[in-house]
Amino acid sequence: MSKESLTAESKFTLSIKEIIASAIGFSSLIAMYFTLQADIIEAKNLPLPEVQKIEFDYKDQLVRKTIELTQEDVKTIKEDLIEIKTQLNKMDERLYEISRKKWKLG
């Protein structure tokens, strides 16, 4: 195997099919570029989207409702915690009384 190097006298060949395929590919790239440039110019000329008052109001209402629901959930959890602590204290007192009676009898 001889090493081929690229020199000024080197020759290469392209078939007509390859030349046509390259031209079509290059044309497609140029067309996409100009289409993209036209879309960019059109986008620059469009007015900026504005947040409408009603959209802002809906978002504000949603945030406020979420906060209210969270506060209600926290309140319910606190009430449940107080009830659990009360029941635990009652159980602790009963257990203490049972253990005192057991030691007095034993």
C-alpha atoms as a PDB file:
ATOM      1  CA  MET A   1       0.000   0.000   0.000  1.00  0.00           C
ATOM      2  CA  SER A   2       1.391   3.277  -0.986  1.00  0.00           C
ATOM      3  CA  LYS A   3       0.552   6.427   0.889  1.00  0.00           C
ATOM      4  CA  GLU A   4      -1.215   8.936  -1.245  1.00  0.00           C
ATOM      5  CA  SER A   5      -0.651  12.563  -0.431  1.00  0.00           C
ATOM      6  CA  LEU A   6      -2.537  15.601  -1.569  1.00  0.00           C
ATOM      7  CA  THR A   7      -0.450  17.791  -3.804  1.00  0.00           C
ATOM      8  CA  ALA A   8      -1.051  20.481  -6.395  1.00  0.00           C
ATOM      9  CA  GLU A   9      -1.003  17.815  -9.089  1.00  0.00           C
ATOM     10  CA  SER A  10      -3.502  15.554  -7.272  1.00  0.00           C
ATOM     11  CA  LYS A  11      -6.711  14.793  -9.111  1.00  0.00           C
ATOM     12  CA  PHE A  12     -10.127  13.828  -7.831  1.00  0.00           C
ATOM     13  CA  THR A  13     -13.360  13.178  -9.623  1.00  0.00           C
ATOM     14  CA  LEU A  14     -16.982  13.895  -8.889  1.00  0.00           C
ATOM     15  CA  SER A  15     -19.859  12.336 -10.683  1.00  0.00           C
ATOM     16  CA  ILE A  16     -22.715  14.425 -12.043  1.00  0.00           C
ATOM     17  CA  LYS A  17     -24.967  12.844  -9.421  1.00  0.00           C
ATOM     18  CA  GLU A  18     -22.670  14.032  -6.590  1.00  0.00           C
ATOM     19  CA  ILE A  19     -22.430  17.546  -8.054  1.00  0.00           C
ATOM     20  CA  ILE A  20     -26.241  17.800  -8.316  1.00  0.00           C
ATOM     21  CA  ALA A  21     -26.688  16.485  -4.761  1.00  0.00           C
ATOM     22  CA  SER A  22     -24.170  19.026  -3.459  1.00  0.00           C
ATOM     23  CA  ALA A  23     -25.899  21.864  -5.341  1.00  0.00           C
ATOM     24  CA  ILE A  24     -29.310  20.860  -3.946  1.00  0.00           C
ATOM     25  CA  GLY A  25     -27.909  20.641  -0.405  1.00  0.00           C
ATOM     26  CA  PHE A  26     -26.178  24.005  -0.717  1.00  0.00           C
ATOM     27  CA  SER A  27     -29.351  25.583  -2.155  1.00  0.00           C
ATOM     28  CA  SER A  28     -31.384  24.203   0.750  1.00  0.00           C
ATOM     29  CA  LEU A  29     -28.974  25.716   3.273  1.00  0.00           C
ATOM     30  CA  ILE A  30     -29.108  29.115   1.558  1.00  0.00           C
ATOM     31  CA  ALA A  31     -32.928  29.012   1.441  1.00  0.00           C
ATOM     32  CA  MET A  32     -33.114  28.129   5.146  1.00  0.00           C
ATOM     33  CA  TYR A  33     -30.732  30.977   5.981  1.00  0.00           C
ATOM     34  CA  PHE A  34     -32.814  33.578   4.134  1.00  0.00           C
ATOM     35  CA  THR A  35     -36.064  32.216   5.582  1.00  0.00           C
ATOM     36  CA  LEU A  36     -34.603  32.440   9.068  1.00  0.00           C
ATOM     37  CA  GLN A  37     -33.419  36.003   8.435  1.00  0.00           C
ATOM     38  CA  ALA A  38     -36.909  36.990   7.233  1.00  0.00           C
ATOM     39  CA  ASP A  39     -38.490  35.436  10.342  1.00  0.00           C
ATOM     40  CA  ILE A  40     -36.068  37.340  12.572  1.00  0.00           C
ATOM     41  CA  ILE A  41     -36.890  40.637  10.882  1.00  0.00           C
ATOM     42  CA  GLU A  42     -40.619  39.916  11.194  1.00  0.00           C
ATOM     43  CA  ALA A  43     -40.236  39.043  14.889  1.00  0.00           C
ATOM     44  CA  LYS A  44     -38.381  42.301  15.527  1.00  0.00           C
ATOM     45  CA  ASN A  45     -41.268  44.279  14.036  1.00  0.00           C
ATOM     46  CA  LEU A  46     -43.959  42.561  16.109  1.00  0.00           C
ATOM     47  CA  PRO A  47     -45.107  44.365  19.260  1.00  0.00           C
ATOM     48  CA  LEU A  48     -43.931  42.961  22.563  1.00  0.00           C
ATOM     49  CA  PRO A  49     -46.517  40.781  24.275  1.00  0.00           C
ATOM     50  CA  GLU A  50     -48.066  42.591  27.206  1.00  0.00           C
ATOM     51  CA  VAL A  51     -49.308  40.994  30.354  1.00  0.00           C
ATOM     52  CA  GLN A  52     -52.944  41.880  30.448  1.00  0.00           C
ATOM     53  CA  LYS A  53     -54.561  43.016  33.666  1.00  0.00           C
ATOM     54  CA  ILE A  54     -56.911  40.041  33.729  1.00  0.00           C
ATOM     55  CA  GLU A  55     -53.987  37.604  33.403  1.00  0.00           C
ATOM     56  CA  PHE A  56     -52.209  39.328  36.275  1.00  0.00           C
ATOM     57  CA  ASP A  57     -55.400  39.201  38.370  1.00  0.00           C
ATOM     58  CA  TYR A  58     -55.828  35.479  37.732  1.00  0.00           C
ATOM     59  CA  LYS A  59     -52.255  34.766  38.765  1.00  0.00           C
ATOM     60  CA  ASP A  60     -52.666  36.923  41.865  1.00  0.00           C
ATOM     61  CA  GLN A  61     -55.883  35.115  42.822  1.00  0.00           C
ATOM     62  CA  LEU A  62     -54.203  31.755  42.312  1.00  0.00           C
ATOM     63  CA  VAL A  63     -51.293  32.685  44.562  1.00  0.00           C
ATOM     64  CA  ARG A  64     -53.592  34.061  47.256  1.00  0.00           C
ATOM     65  CA  LYS A  65     -55.824  30.963  47.164  1.00  0.00           C
ATOM     66  CA  THR A  66     -52.797  28.702  47.440  1.00  0.00           C
ATOM     67  CA  ILE A  67     -51.557  30.627  50.473  1.00  0.00           C
ATOM     68  CA  GLU A  68     -54.977  30.434  52.123  1.00  0.00           C
ATOM     69  CA  LEU A  69     -55.208  26.678  51.538  1.00  0.00           C
ATOM     70  CA  THR A  70     -51.728  26.190  52.943  1.00  0.00           C
ATOM     71  CA  GLN A  71     -52.621  28.197  56.044  1.00  0.00           C
ATOM     72  CA  GLU A  72     -55.759  26.099  56.546  1.00  0.00           C
ATOM     73  CA  ASP A  73     -53.709  22.908  56.212  1.00  0.00           C
ATOM     74  CA  VAL A  74     -51.187  24.152  58.769  1.00  0.00           C
ATOM     75  CA  LYS A  75     -53.996  25.067  61.168  1.00  0.00           C
ATOM     76  CA  THR A  76     -55.523  21.591  60.815  1.00  0.00           C
ATOM     77  CA  ILE A  77     -52.150  19.948  61.388  1.00  0.00           C
ATOM     78  CA  LYS A  78     -51.598  22.038  64.533  1.00  0.00           C
ATOM     79  CA  GLU A  79     -55.012  21.036  65.883  1.00  0.00           C
ATOM     80  CA  ASP A  80     -54.276  17.373  65.178  1.00  0.00           C
ATOM     81  CA  LEU A  81     -50.909  17.688  66.908  1.00  0.00           C
ATOM     82  CA  ILE A  82     -52.521  19.183  70.018  1.00  0.00           C
ATOM     83  CA  GLU A  83     -55.056  16.348  70.084  1.00  0.00           C
ATOM     84  CA  ILE A  84     -52.304  13.738  69.718  1.00  0.00           C
ATOM     85  CA  LYS A  85     -50.294  15.329  72.542  1.00  0.00           C
ATOM     86  CA  THR A  86     -53.384  15.325  74.780  1.00  0.00           C
ATOM     87  CA  GLN A  87     -54.029  11.642  74.084  1.00  0.00           C
ATOM     88  CA  LEU A  88     -50.366  10.825  74.664  1.00  0.00           C
ATOM     89  CA  ASN A  89     -50.406  12.615  78.022  1.00  0.00           C
ATOM     90  CA  LYS A  90     -53.531  10.677  79.072  1.00  0.00           C
ATOM     91  CA  MET A  91     -51.903   7.403  78.074  1.00  0.00           C
ATOM     92  CA  ASP A  92     -48.743   8.335  79.965  1.00  0.00           C
ATOM     93  CA  GLU A  93     -50.758   9.127  83.125  1.00  0.00           C
ATOM     94  CA  ARG A  94     -52.646   5.817  82.892  1.00  0.00           C
ATOM     95  CA  LEU A  95     -49.423   3.886  82.387  1.00  0.00           C
ATOM     96  CA  TYR A  96     -47.887   5.629  85.388  1.00  0.00           C
ATOM     97  CA  GLU A  97     -50.930   4.747  87.540  1.00  0.00           C
ATOM     98  CA  ILE A  98     -50.820   1.117  86.395  1.00  0.00           C
ATOM     99  CA  SER A  99     -47.107   0.836  87.160  1.00  0.00           C
ATOM    100  CA  ARG A 100     -47.629   2.459  90.618  1.00  0.00           C
ATOM    101  CA  LYS A 101     -50.365  -0.035  91.466  1.00  0.00           C
ATOM    102  CA  LYS A 102     -48.204  -2.904  90.302  1.00  0.00           C
ATOM    103  CA  TRP A 103     -45.337  -1.813  92.543  1.00  0.00           C
ATOM    104  CA  LYS A 104     -47.661  -1.334  95.552  1.00  0.00           C
ATOM    105  CA  LEU A 105     -49.116  -4.813  95.108  1.00  0.00           C
ATOM    106  CA  GLY A 106     -45.851  -6.511  94.287  1.00  0.00           C
END
